[in-house]
N, C-alpha and C. Protein backbone atom coordinates (compact mmCIF):
# COMPACT_ATOMS: atom_id res chain seq x y z
N MET A 1 97.91 124.86 79.17
CA MET A 1 97.30 123.54 79.24
C MET A 1 96.27 123.50 80.36
N PRO A 2 95.12 122.87 80.15
CA PRO A 2 94.13 122.78 81.23
C PRO A 2 94.65 121.92 82.37
N GLU A 3 94.26 122.29 83.59
CA GLU A 3 94.69 121.53 84.76
C GLU A 3 93.85 120.27 84.91
N ALA A 4 94.52 119.18 85.27
CA ALA A 4 93.79 117.95 85.54
C ALA A 4 93.11 118.07 86.89
N ASP A 5 91.93 117.47 87.00
CA ASP A 5 91.23 117.49 88.28
C ASP A 5 92.04 116.72 89.31
N PRO A 6 92.13 117.24 90.53
CA PRO A 6 92.85 116.52 91.58
C PRO A 6 92.11 115.24 91.96
N HIS A 7 92.83 114.30 92.48
CA HIS A 7 92.24 113.04 92.95
C HIS A 7 91.63 113.28 94.32
N ILE A 8 90.29 113.31 94.40
CA ILE A 8 89.59 113.54 95.65
C ILE A 8 89.22 112.19 96.27
N LEU A 9 89.65 111.97 97.49
CA LEU A 9 89.39 110.71 98.17
C LEU A 9 88.12 110.80 99.01
N THR A 10 87.52 109.66 99.26
CA THR A 10 86.40 109.59 100.20
C THR A 10 86.96 109.45 101.61
N VAL A 11 86.09 109.63 102.61
CA VAL A 11 86.50 109.44 104.00
C VAL A 11 86.99 108.01 104.21
N GLU A 12 86.30 107.06 103.61
CA GLU A 12 86.68 105.65 103.77
C GLU A 12 88.04 105.37 103.14
N GLU A 13 88.34 105.99 102.01
CA GLU A 13 89.64 105.79 101.36
C GLU A 13 90.76 106.40 102.18
N VAL A 14 90.52 107.57 102.75
CA VAL A 14 91.54 108.17 103.62
C VAL A 14 91.79 107.29 104.84
N ASP A 15 90.72 106.73 105.40
CA ASP A 15 90.87 105.85 106.55
C ASP A 15 91.69 104.61 106.18
N ARG A 16 91.44 104.03 105.01
CA ARG A 16 92.21 102.86 104.56
C ARG A 16 93.68 103.21 104.38
N LEU A 17 93.93 104.36 103.79
CA LEU A 17 95.30 104.80 103.57
C LEU A 17 96.02 104.99 104.90
N ALA A 18 95.37 105.70 105.82
CA ALA A 18 95.99 105.96 107.12
C ALA A 18 96.23 104.67 107.88
N SER A 19 95.32 103.72 107.75
CA SER A 19 95.44 102.46 108.48
C SER A 19 96.63 101.64 108.02
N ASN A 20 97.12 101.91 106.83
CA ASN A 20 98.27 101.18 106.29
C ASN A 20 99.58 101.90 106.53
N CYS A 21 99.56 102.92 107.38
CA CYS A 21 100.77 103.68 107.72
C CYS A 21 101.17 103.42 109.16
N GLY A 22 102.45 103.58 109.44
CA GLY A 22 102.90 103.59 110.82
C GLY A 22 102.37 104.83 111.52
N LEU A 23 102.53 104.90 112.83
CA LEU A 23 101.89 105.97 113.61
C LEU A 23 102.26 107.35 113.11
N ALA A 24 103.54 107.66 112.94
CA ALA A 24 103.95 109.00 112.53
C ALA A 24 103.40 109.36 111.16
N ASP A 25 103.53 108.43 110.20
CA ASP A 25 103.01 108.71 108.86
C ASP A 25 101.49 108.77 108.85
N ARG A 26 100.83 107.99 109.73
CA ARG A 26 99.37 108.05 109.84
C ARG A 26 98.93 109.43 110.30
N VAL A 27 99.64 109.98 111.27
CA VAL A 27 99.33 111.33 111.75
C VAL A 27 99.50 112.34 110.62
N LEU A 28 100.56 112.20 109.84
CA LEU A 28 100.78 113.10 108.71
C LEU A 28 99.62 113.02 107.71
N VAL A 29 99.23 111.81 107.36
CA VAL A 29 98.13 111.62 106.41
C VAL A 29 96.86 112.30 106.91
N LEU A 30 96.55 112.12 108.19
CA LEU A 30 95.32 112.69 108.73
C LEU A 30 95.40 114.21 108.86
N LEU A 31 96.57 114.75 109.14
CA LEU A 31 96.72 116.21 109.19
C LEU A 31 96.53 116.82 107.81
N LEU A 32 97.00 116.12 106.78
CA LEU A 32 96.81 116.63 105.42
C LEU A 32 95.35 116.55 105.01
N ALA A 33 94.70 115.43 105.32
CA ALA A 33 93.32 115.24 104.88
C ALA A 33 92.31 116.00 105.73
N TYR A 34 92.55 116.09 107.03
CA TYR A 34 91.58 116.73 107.93
C TYR A 34 92.01 118.13 108.38
N GLY A 35 93.20 118.55 107.96
CA GLY A 35 93.65 119.90 108.28
C GLY A 35 93.95 120.73 107.05
N GLY A 36 94.15 120.05 105.90
CA GLY A 36 94.40 120.77 104.66
C GLY A 36 95.79 121.36 104.57
N LEU A 37 96.73 120.87 105.37
CA LEU A 37 98.08 121.40 105.32
C LEU A 37 98.79 120.96 104.03
N ARG A 38 99.69 121.80 103.55
CA ARG A 38 100.62 121.36 102.53
C ARG A 38 101.61 120.41 103.22
N ILE A 39 102.18 119.47 102.46
CA ILE A 39 103.14 118.56 103.06
C ILE A 39 104.34 119.35 103.60
N GLY A 40 104.70 120.43 102.90
CA GLY A 40 105.82 121.26 103.36
C GLY A 40 105.50 122.05 104.61
N GLU A 41 104.21 122.21 104.95
CA GLU A 41 103.81 122.88 106.19
C GLU A 41 103.72 121.89 107.34
N ALA A 42 103.38 120.65 107.02
CA ALA A 42 103.23 119.64 108.07
C ALA A 42 104.57 119.15 108.59
N LEU A 43 105.54 118.99 107.69
CA LEU A 43 106.82 118.39 108.08
C LEU A 43 107.60 119.20 109.11
N PRO A 44 107.63 120.53 109.07
CA PRO A 44 108.39 121.27 110.08
C PRO A 44 107.61 121.60 111.35
N LEU A 45 106.41 121.04 111.54
CA LEU A 45 105.67 121.31 112.77
C LEU A 45 106.48 120.86 113.98
N GLY A 46 106.44 121.70 115.02
CA GLY A 46 107.09 121.34 116.28
C GLY A 46 106.05 121.22 117.39
N ARG A 47 106.49 120.74 118.53
CA ARG A 47 105.57 120.65 119.67
C ARG A 47 104.91 121.98 119.97
N ARG A 48 105.69 123.06 119.86
CA ARG A 48 105.16 124.38 120.21
C ARG A 48 104.05 124.84 119.26
N HIS A 49 103.91 124.17 118.13
CA HIS A 49 102.88 124.55 117.16
C HIS A 49 101.57 123.79 117.39
N ILE A 50 101.58 122.86 118.34
CA ILE A 50 100.43 121.97 118.52
C ILE A 50 99.84 122.13 119.91
N ASP A 51 98.58 122.53 119.96
CA ASP A 51 97.85 122.69 121.22
C ASP A 51 96.87 121.53 121.33
N LEU A 52 97.27 120.48 122.03
CA LEU A 52 96.45 119.29 122.11
C LEU A 52 95.17 119.53 122.90
N THR A 53 95.22 120.40 123.90
CA THR A 53 94.05 120.66 124.73
C THR A 53 92.89 121.19 123.90
N ASN A 54 93.19 122.09 122.99
CA ASN A 54 92.15 122.72 122.18
C ASN A 54 92.09 122.16 120.76
N GLY A 55 92.96 121.21 120.44
CA GLY A 55 92.95 120.65 119.09
C GLY A 55 93.35 121.65 118.03
N ARG A 56 94.28 122.54 118.37
CA ARG A 56 94.68 123.61 117.45
C ARG A 56 96.11 123.39 116.95
N VAL A 57 96.29 123.61 115.65
CA VAL A 57 97.60 123.52 115.03
C VAL A 57 97.93 124.87 114.43
N VAL A 58 99.13 125.37 114.71
CA VAL A 58 99.59 126.65 114.16
C VAL A 58 100.58 126.36 113.04
N ILE A 59 100.27 126.86 111.85
CA ILE A 59 101.17 126.70 110.71
C ILE A 59 102.01 127.96 110.62
N ALA A 60 103.26 127.85 111.04
CA ALA A 60 104.14 129.01 111.10
C ALA A 60 105.35 128.87 110.18
N ASP A 61 105.67 127.63 109.78
CA ASP A 61 106.85 127.37 108.97
C ASP A 61 106.49 126.47 107.80
N ALA A 62 107.39 126.46 106.83
CA ALA A 62 107.24 125.55 105.69
C ALA A 62 108.64 125.20 105.20
N VAL A 63 108.81 123.97 104.76
CA VAL A 63 110.10 123.55 104.21
C VAL A 63 110.00 123.56 102.70
N SER A 64 111.01 124.07 102.06
CA SER A 64 111.04 124.12 100.59
C SER A 64 112.45 123.80 100.13
N GLU A 65 112.54 123.41 98.88
CA GLU A 65 113.82 123.03 98.30
C GLU A 65 114.42 124.19 97.53
N LEU A 66 115.64 124.59 97.91
CA LEU A 66 116.40 125.62 97.21
C LEU A 66 117.66 124.99 96.62
N PRO A 67 118.36 125.69 95.74
CA PRO A 67 119.56 125.10 95.13
C PRO A 67 120.56 124.57 96.15
N GLY A 68 120.63 125.21 97.31
CA GLY A 68 121.59 124.76 98.32
C GLY A 68 121.07 123.66 99.22
N GLY A 69 119.80 123.27 99.04
CA GLY A 69 119.22 122.23 99.88
C GLY A 69 117.92 122.71 100.49
N PRO A 70 117.26 121.86 101.26
CA PRO A 70 115.98 122.22 101.87
C PRO A 70 116.15 123.31 102.93
N VAL A 71 115.20 124.25 102.93
CA VAL A 71 115.25 125.37 103.86
C VAL A 71 113.88 125.53 104.51
N ILE A 72 113.86 125.76 105.82
CA ILE A 72 112.61 126.03 106.53
C ILE A 72 112.42 127.53 106.63
N ASP A 73 111.30 128.02 106.12
CA ASP A 73 111.01 129.45 106.09
C ASP A 73 109.54 129.63 106.43
N THR A 74 109.00 130.80 106.13
CA THR A 74 107.58 131.07 106.39
C THR A 74 106.73 130.31 105.37
N PRO A 75 105.42 130.15 105.66
CA PRO A 75 104.55 129.48 104.69
C PRO A 75 104.47 130.22 103.37
N LYS A 76 103.79 129.62 102.41
CA LYS A 76 103.76 130.12 101.04
C LYS A 76 103.31 131.56 100.95
N ASN A 77 102.30 131.95 101.74
CA ASN A 77 101.81 133.33 101.68
C ASN A 77 102.44 134.21 102.74
N HIS A 78 103.47 133.68 103.43
CA HIS A 78 104.23 134.41 104.45
C HIS A 78 103.39 134.78 105.67
N GLN A 79 102.28 134.10 105.88
CA GLN A 79 101.43 134.39 107.02
C GLN A 79 101.18 133.14 107.85
N ARG A 80 101.29 133.31 109.17
CA ARG A 80 100.91 132.22 110.06
C ARG A 80 99.40 132.05 110.03
N ARG A 81 98.95 130.84 110.31
CA ARG A 81 97.52 130.62 110.47
C ARG A 81 97.33 129.50 111.48
N ALA A 82 96.20 129.52 112.13
CA ALA A 82 95.87 128.48 113.10
C ALA A 82 94.56 127.83 112.67
N LEU A 83 94.47 126.55 112.87
CA LEU A 83 93.23 125.85 112.53
C LEU A 83 92.98 124.74 113.52
N LEU A 84 91.72 124.41 113.66
CA LEU A 84 91.31 123.33 114.54
C LEU A 84 91.22 122.04 113.74
N VAL A 85 91.63 120.95 114.37
CA VAL A 85 91.53 119.65 113.72
C VAL A 85 90.52 118.81 114.50
N PRO A 86 89.93 117.80 113.88
CA PRO A 86 88.97 116.96 114.59
C PRO A 86 89.58 116.34 115.84
N ALA A 87 88.72 116.07 116.82
CA ALA A 87 89.20 115.54 118.10
C ALA A 87 89.95 114.23 117.94
N PHE A 88 89.48 113.37 117.03
CA PHE A 88 90.16 112.07 116.89
C PHE A 88 91.56 112.24 116.30
N VAL A 89 91.75 113.27 115.46
CA VAL A 89 93.08 113.55 114.93
C VAL A 89 93.98 114.08 116.04
N ALA A 90 93.45 115.00 116.85
CA ALA A 90 94.22 115.55 117.97
C ALA A 90 94.65 114.44 118.93
N GLU A 91 93.76 113.49 119.17
CA GLU A 91 94.10 112.37 120.07
C GLU A 91 95.25 111.55 119.50
N LEU A 92 95.22 111.29 118.20
CA LEU A 92 96.28 110.51 117.58
C LEU A 92 97.59 111.29 117.57
N VAL A 93 97.52 112.61 117.36
CA VAL A 93 98.71 113.45 117.43
C VAL A 93 99.32 113.34 118.84
N GLY A 94 98.46 113.35 119.86
CA GLY A 94 98.93 113.21 121.23
C GLY A 94 99.65 111.88 121.46
N GLU A 95 99.10 110.80 120.91
CA GLU A 95 99.75 109.49 121.03
C GLU A 95 101.13 109.52 120.39
N HIS A 96 101.22 110.17 119.24
CA HIS A 96 102.50 110.25 118.54
C HIS A 96 103.50 111.10 119.32
N LEU A 97 103.07 112.25 119.80
CA LEU A 97 103.98 113.13 120.53
C LEU A 97 104.49 112.49 121.82
N ALA A 98 103.70 111.59 122.38
CA ALA A 98 104.12 110.91 123.61
C ALA A 98 105.33 110.02 123.38
N THR A 99 105.63 109.70 122.13
CA THR A 99 106.79 108.86 121.82
C THR A 99 108.04 109.69 121.57
N LEU A 100 107.91 111.02 121.60
CA LEU A 100 109.02 111.91 121.27
C LEU A 100 109.53 112.66 122.50
N PRO A 101 110.74 113.21 122.45
CA PRO A 101 111.27 113.99 123.57
C PRO A 101 110.36 115.16 123.92
N ASP A 102 110.26 115.47 125.20
CA ASP A 102 109.39 116.56 125.67
C ASP A 102 110.14 117.88 125.55
N ASP A 103 110.29 118.34 124.31
CA ASP A 103 111.01 119.57 124.01
C ASP A 103 110.14 120.42 123.10
N PRO A 104 109.76 121.63 123.52
CA PRO A 104 108.85 122.44 122.69
C PRO A 104 109.41 122.77 121.32
N ASP A 105 110.74 122.75 121.17
CA ASP A 105 111.35 123.07 119.88
C ASP A 105 111.60 121.83 119.03
N ALA A 106 111.26 120.65 119.54
CA ALA A 106 111.50 119.42 118.78
C ALA A 106 110.51 119.30 117.64
N PHE A 107 110.98 118.74 116.52
CA PHE A 107 110.09 118.47 115.39
C PHE A 107 109.11 117.37 115.76
N ALA A 108 107.86 117.55 115.31
CA ALA A 108 106.88 116.49 115.52
C ALA A 108 107.13 115.31 114.59
N PHE A 109 107.82 115.57 113.48
CA PHE A 109 108.13 114.51 112.52
C PHE A 109 109.62 114.54 112.20
N PRO A 110 110.46 114.21 113.16
CA PRO A 110 111.91 114.30 112.96
C PRO A 110 112.38 113.41 111.82
N GLY A 111 113.35 113.93 111.08
CA GLY A 111 113.93 113.15 109.99
C GLY A 111 113.19 113.25 108.68
N ARG A 112 112.08 114.01 108.64
CA ARG A 112 111.32 114.09 107.39
C ARG A 112 111.36 115.49 106.77
N GLN A 113 112.12 116.40 107.34
CA GLN A 113 112.09 117.78 106.85
C GLN A 113 112.69 117.92 105.45
N ALA A 114 113.59 117.01 105.07
CA ALA A 114 114.21 117.11 103.75
C ALA A 114 113.39 116.37 102.71
N HIS A 115 112.07 116.63 102.73
CA HIS A 115 111.17 115.83 101.90
C HIS A 115 111.35 116.04 100.41
N THR A 116 111.90 117.19 100.01
CA THR A 116 112.04 117.43 98.59
C THR A 116 113.44 117.09 98.07
N ALA A 117 114.33 116.73 98.96
CA ALA A 117 115.69 116.37 98.54
C ALA A 117 115.73 114.87 98.25
N HIS A 118 115.45 114.52 96.99
CA HIS A 118 115.22 113.12 96.67
C HIS A 118 116.43 112.24 96.90
N ARG A 119 117.63 112.83 97.00
CA ARG A 119 118.81 112.02 97.23
C ARG A 119 119.01 111.71 98.71
N GLN A 120 118.22 112.32 99.56
CA GLN A 120 118.40 112.11 100.99
C GLN A 120 117.49 110.98 101.47
N GLN A 121 118.02 110.15 102.32
CA GLN A 121 117.31 108.96 102.77
C GLN A 121 116.01 109.31 103.48
N SER A 122 115.96 110.45 104.20
CA SER A 122 114.75 110.81 104.95
C SER A 122 113.55 110.94 104.02
N TYR A 123 113.72 111.65 102.92
CA TYR A 123 112.60 111.80 101.98
C TYR A 123 112.31 110.48 101.28
N TYR A 124 113.36 109.80 100.85
CA TYR A 124 113.15 108.55 100.13
C TYR A 124 112.34 107.58 100.98
N GLY A 125 112.67 107.48 102.26
CA GLY A 125 111.95 106.56 103.14
C GLY A 125 110.49 106.94 103.29
N PHE A 126 110.21 108.23 103.50
CA PHE A 126 108.82 108.67 103.66
C PHE A 126 108.03 108.44 102.38
N ARG A 127 108.61 108.84 101.25
CA ARG A 127 107.91 108.71 99.98
C ARG A 127 107.65 107.23 99.67
N ARG A 128 108.65 106.39 99.92
CA ARG A 128 108.49 104.96 99.65
C ARG A 128 107.37 104.38 100.52
N ARG A 129 107.35 104.76 101.79
CA ARG A 129 106.30 104.25 102.69
C ARG A 129 104.92 104.72 102.25
N PHE A 130 104.83 105.97 101.82
CA PHE A 130 103.54 106.51 101.39
C PHE A 130 103.02 105.76 100.17
N VAL A 131 103.90 105.53 99.20
CA VAL A 131 103.50 104.81 97.98
C VAL A 131 103.07 103.39 98.33
N GLN A 132 103.78 102.76 99.25
CA GLN A 132 103.41 101.41 99.67
C GLN A 132 102.05 101.40 100.37
N ALA A 133 101.80 102.42 101.19
CA ALA A 133 100.50 102.50 101.89
C ALA A 133 99.36 102.72 100.90
N VAL A 134 99.60 103.53 99.88
CA VAL A 134 98.59 103.77 98.84
C VAL A 134 98.23 102.45 98.16
N ALA A 135 99.25 101.67 97.80
CA ALA A 135 99.01 100.39 97.13
C ALA A 135 98.31 99.42 98.07
N ALA A 136 98.73 99.37 99.33
CA ALA A 136 98.13 98.45 100.29
C ALA A 136 96.66 98.79 100.55
N ALA A 137 96.32 100.07 100.40
CA ALA A 137 94.92 100.51 100.60
C ALA A 137 94.06 100.25 99.37
N GLY A 138 94.67 99.71 98.31
CA GLY A 138 93.91 99.45 97.09
C GLY A 138 93.65 100.70 96.28
N LEU A 139 94.49 101.73 96.44
CA LEU A 139 94.33 102.99 95.73
C LEU A 139 95.42 103.14 94.68
N ALA A 140 95.31 104.15 93.86
CA ALA A 140 96.30 104.42 92.83
C ALA A 140 96.36 105.92 92.56
N ASP A 141 97.54 106.37 92.15
CA ASP A 141 97.73 107.77 91.75
C ASP A 141 97.31 108.74 92.85
N VAL A 142 97.70 108.45 94.08
CA VAL A 142 97.43 109.35 95.20
C VAL A 142 98.74 109.94 95.69
N THR A 143 98.79 111.26 95.80
CA THR A 143 99.97 111.96 96.32
C THR A 143 99.60 112.66 97.62
N PRO A 144 100.59 113.05 98.42
CA PRO A 144 100.26 113.83 99.62
C PRO A 144 99.45 115.08 99.31
N HIS A 145 99.71 115.70 98.16
CA HIS A 145 98.98 116.93 97.83
C HIS A 145 97.52 116.64 97.52
N ASN A 146 97.22 115.43 97.05
CA ASN A 146 95.82 115.06 96.82
C ASN A 146 95.02 115.10 98.11
N LEU A 147 95.68 114.86 99.24
CA LEU A 147 94.98 114.89 100.53
C LEU A 147 94.58 116.33 100.88
N ARG A 148 95.41 117.28 100.53
CA ARG A 148 95.06 118.70 100.72
C ARG A 148 93.88 119.07 99.84
N ALA A 149 93.91 118.60 98.58
CA ALA A 149 92.78 118.85 97.67
C ALA A 149 91.52 118.18 98.18
N THR A 150 91.65 117.00 98.76
CA THR A 150 90.51 116.30 99.34
C THR A 150 89.90 117.12 100.46
N HIS A 151 90.75 117.66 101.33
CA HIS A 151 90.26 118.49 102.43
C HIS A 151 89.51 119.70 101.88
N ALA A 152 90.07 120.34 100.86
CA ALA A 152 89.43 121.52 100.28
C ALA A 152 88.04 121.19 99.77
N SER A 153 87.91 120.06 99.08
CA SER A 153 86.61 119.70 98.53
C SER A 153 85.62 119.32 99.62
N TRP A 154 86.09 118.58 100.64
CA TRP A 154 85.20 118.24 101.76
C TRP A 154 84.63 119.50 102.41
N VAL A 155 85.53 120.46 102.72
CA VAL A 155 85.10 121.65 103.45
C VAL A 155 84.26 122.57 102.56
N ALA A 156 84.68 122.74 101.32
CA ALA A 156 83.90 123.59 100.41
C ALA A 156 82.51 123.02 100.21
N ASP A 157 82.40 121.70 100.16
CA ASP A 157 81.12 121.05 99.96
C ASP A 157 80.20 121.21 101.18
N SER A 158 80.79 121.18 102.37
CA SER A 158 79.97 121.22 103.58
C SER A 158 79.79 122.63 104.14
N HIS A 159 80.82 123.49 104.00
CA HIS A 159 80.77 124.81 104.63
C HIS A 159 81.07 125.97 103.69
N GLY A 160 81.29 125.70 102.43
CA GLY A 160 81.50 126.78 101.47
C GLY A 160 82.97 127.03 101.16
N VAL A 161 83.20 127.65 100.01
CA VAL A 161 84.56 127.87 99.53
C VAL A 161 85.33 128.85 100.42
N LEU A 162 84.66 129.86 100.97
CA LEU A 162 85.37 130.84 101.81
C LEU A 162 85.97 130.18 103.04
N VAL A 163 85.23 129.27 103.66
CA VAL A 163 85.75 128.57 104.83
C VAL A 163 86.92 127.68 104.42
N ALA A 164 86.78 127.00 103.29
CA ALA A 164 87.87 126.15 102.79
C ALA A 164 89.12 126.99 102.51
N ALA A 165 88.93 128.16 101.90
CA ALA A 165 90.07 129.03 101.59
C ALA A 165 90.82 129.44 102.84
N ARG A 166 90.09 129.76 103.90
CA ARG A 166 90.74 130.16 105.14
C ARG A 166 91.56 129.02 105.73
N ARG A 167 91.00 127.82 105.72
CA ARG A 167 91.73 126.69 106.29
C ARG A 167 92.97 126.35 105.47
N LEU A 168 92.89 126.56 104.16
CA LEU A 168 94.04 126.26 103.30
C LEU A 168 95.08 127.37 103.33
N GLY A 169 94.72 128.53 103.86
CA GLY A 169 95.66 129.65 103.88
C GLY A 169 95.67 130.44 102.60
N HIS A 170 94.56 130.41 101.85
CA HIS A 170 94.46 131.18 100.62
C HIS A 170 93.86 132.55 100.91
N ALA A 171 94.50 133.61 100.41
CA ALA A 171 93.96 134.95 100.57
C ALA A 171 92.78 135.17 99.63
N ASN A 172 92.75 134.45 98.53
CA ASN A 172 91.71 134.61 97.52
C ASN A 172 91.00 133.27 97.34
N ALA A 173 89.68 133.26 97.55
CA ALA A 173 88.91 132.02 97.42
C ALA A 173 88.90 131.50 95.99
N ASN A 174 89.18 132.37 95.01
CA ASN A 174 89.23 131.90 93.62
C ASN A 174 90.33 130.86 93.42
N VAL A 175 91.42 131.02 94.18
CA VAL A 175 92.52 130.06 94.09
C VAL A 175 92.03 128.69 94.57
N THR A 176 91.26 128.69 95.65
CA THR A 176 90.72 127.44 96.18
C THR A 176 89.83 126.75 95.16
N THR A 177 88.95 127.52 94.56
CA THR A 177 88.02 126.95 93.58
C THR A 177 88.77 126.44 92.35
N ARG A 178 89.72 127.22 91.88
CA ARG A 178 90.42 126.88 90.63
C ARG A 178 91.29 125.65 90.77
N HIS A 179 91.98 125.53 91.90
CA HIS A 179 92.98 124.47 92.03
C HIS A 179 92.53 123.26 92.82
N TYR A 180 91.58 123.44 93.75
CA TYR A 180 91.32 122.36 94.68
C TYR A 180 89.86 121.93 94.77
N ALA A 181 88.98 122.87 95.09
CA ALA A 181 87.60 122.49 95.43
C ALA A 181 86.88 121.91 94.21
N ARG A 182 86.36 120.73 94.40
CA ARG A 182 85.57 120.07 93.36
C ARG A 182 84.29 119.55 94.01
N ALA A 183 83.23 119.48 93.24
CA ALA A 183 81.97 118.97 93.79
C ALA A 183 82.11 117.50 94.14
N ILE A 184 81.63 117.13 95.32
CA ILE A 184 81.59 115.73 95.70
C ILE A 184 80.50 115.06 94.87
N ASP A 185 80.83 113.92 94.25
CA ASP A 185 79.89 113.28 93.32
C ASP A 185 78.51 113.09 93.93
N SER A 186 78.44 112.56 95.15
CA SER A 186 77.15 112.29 95.76
C SER A 186 76.37 113.57 96.02
N ARG A 187 77.06 114.64 96.43
CA ARG A 187 76.38 115.90 96.68
C ARG A 187 75.91 116.52 95.37
N ASP A 188 76.67 116.36 94.31
CA ASP A 188 76.26 116.88 93.02
C ASP A 188 74.97 116.18 92.58
N ALA A 189 74.88 114.88 92.85
CA ALA A 189 73.65 114.14 92.52
C ALA A 189 72.48 114.65 93.36
N GLU A 190 72.77 114.98 94.64
CA GLU A 190 71.73 115.52 95.50
C GLU A 190 71.21 116.85 94.95
N VAL A 191 72.13 117.69 94.48
CA VAL A 191 71.73 118.98 93.92
C VAL A 191 70.84 118.76 92.69
N ALA A 192 71.27 117.84 91.81
CA ALA A 192 70.48 117.58 90.60
C ALA A 192 69.09 117.07 90.96
N ALA A 193 69.02 116.17 91.97
CA ALA A 193 67.71 115.63 92.38
C ALA A 193 66.84 116.73 92.97
N HIS A 194 67.47 117.62 93.75
CA HIS A 194 66.72 118.73 94.35
C HIS A 194 66.17 119.66 93.27
N LEU A 195 66.99 119.98 92.29
CA LEU A 195 66.54 120.86 91.21
C LEU A 195 65.46 120.18 90.36
N ASP A 196 65.61 118.86 90.18
CA ASP A 196 64.58 118.12 89.45
C ASP A 196 63.24 118.21 90.18
N ASN A 197 63.30 118.08 91.51
CA ASN A 197 62.09 118.16 92.31
C ASN A 197 61.46 119.54 92.21
N LEU A 198 62.32 120.57 92.29
CA LEU A 198 61.81 121.94 92.15
C LEU A 198 61.14 122.14 90.79
N GLY A 199 61.81 121.61 89.75
CA GLY A 199 61.26 121.76 88.40
C GLY A 199 59.93 121.07 88.25
N ARG A 200 59.82 119.88 88.85
CA ARG A 200 58.57 119.13 88.74
C ARG A 200 57.45 119.85 89.51
N ILE A 201 57.81 120.38 90.68
CA ILE A 201 56.81 121.14 91.45
C ILE A 201 56.36 122.35 90.66
N GLY A 202 57.37 123.05 90.07
CA GLY A 202 57.02 124.23 89.29
C GLY A 202 56.16 123.89 88.08
N SER A 203 56.51 122.78 87.40
CA SER A 203 55.73 122.37 86.24
C SER A 203 54.32 121.97 86.64
N GLY A 204 54.21 121.26 87.80
CA GLY A 204 52.89 120.87 88.28
C GLY A 204 52.04 122.06 88.62
N THR A 205 52.67 123.06 89.21
CA THR A 205 51.95 124.29 89.55
C THR A 205 51.46 124.99 88.29
N GLN A 206 52.35 125.04 87.29
CA GLN A 206 51.97 125.68 86.03
C GLN A 206 50.82 124.94 85.35
N ARG A 207 50.88 123.59 85.36
CA ARG A 207 49.82 122.80 84.73
C ARG A 207 48.49 122.99 85.46
N ALA A 208 48.55 123.01 86.79
CA ALA A 208 47.32 123.21 87.57
C ALA A 208 46.73 124.58 87.29
N ARG A 209 47.59 125.59 87.20
CA ARG A 209 47.11 126.94 86.91
C ARG A 209 46.49 126.98 85.53
N LYS A 210 47.13 126.29 84.57
CA LYS A 210 46.61 126.28 83.20
C LYS A 210 45.24 125.59 83.16
N ARG A 211 45.08 124.50 83.93
CA ARG A 211 43.78 123.82 83.95
C ARG A 211 42.71 124.70 84.53
N ARG A 212 43.07 125.45 85.59
CA ARG A 212 42.09 126.35 86.20
C ARG A 212 41.69 127.44 85.23
N GLU A 213 42.70 127.95 84.52
CA GLU A 213 42.39 129.03 83.56
C GLU A 213 41.54 128.49 82.41
N ASP A 214 41.81 127.26 81.96
CA ASP A 214 41.03 126.70 80.86
C ASP A 214 39.61 126.38 81.28
N GLY A 215 39.39 126.14 82.58
CA GLY A 215 38.07 125.78 83.04
C GLY A 215 37.18 127.00 83.28
N LYS A 216 37.77 128.17 83.22
CA LYS A 216 36.98 129.38 83.45
C LYS A 216 36.08 129.67 82.26
């Protein structure tokens, strides 16, 4: 079956969504949208994974659901990666961490690690709050994973698919293109306008050359 295109949000839509979340969930939303993390990579982040001075986040763990319950293990490709997040996101992460115990091994988002265990209150609460924030922002059909796809498209559009692949932790950029990166509508229009201009210039040049040749 063909894959449906992911729901790509605008910067303004992400801001509206984040604004309708409490501080901890707002930080999660912004890390997904501006860092490209999987939700399972964001939830087990600890203080030791976050360098506020340099705005760097290290993705070393991921939580996944197994028959016996949620388990924290290595990321999907079994490789750690580090990425820089925008300064305003780092500042908000700092505000959030200031509300938590000063323990390097403490979770940055305590109580949310069992995100895939739907019978557990921790996941139910987070998912319910996210859905409510989506509705309050005037959006529909937005999932946490759509924020990762949004990040992929933003970065691929501005800096190319290879850069997006690295930030997402993909070893193969084809995976990024196939599953996530989509042309931003406005940029696609810019490309079409640019090509139209090139074509018109080329056609004008050809017509001028033809007139010169006919006048000989």
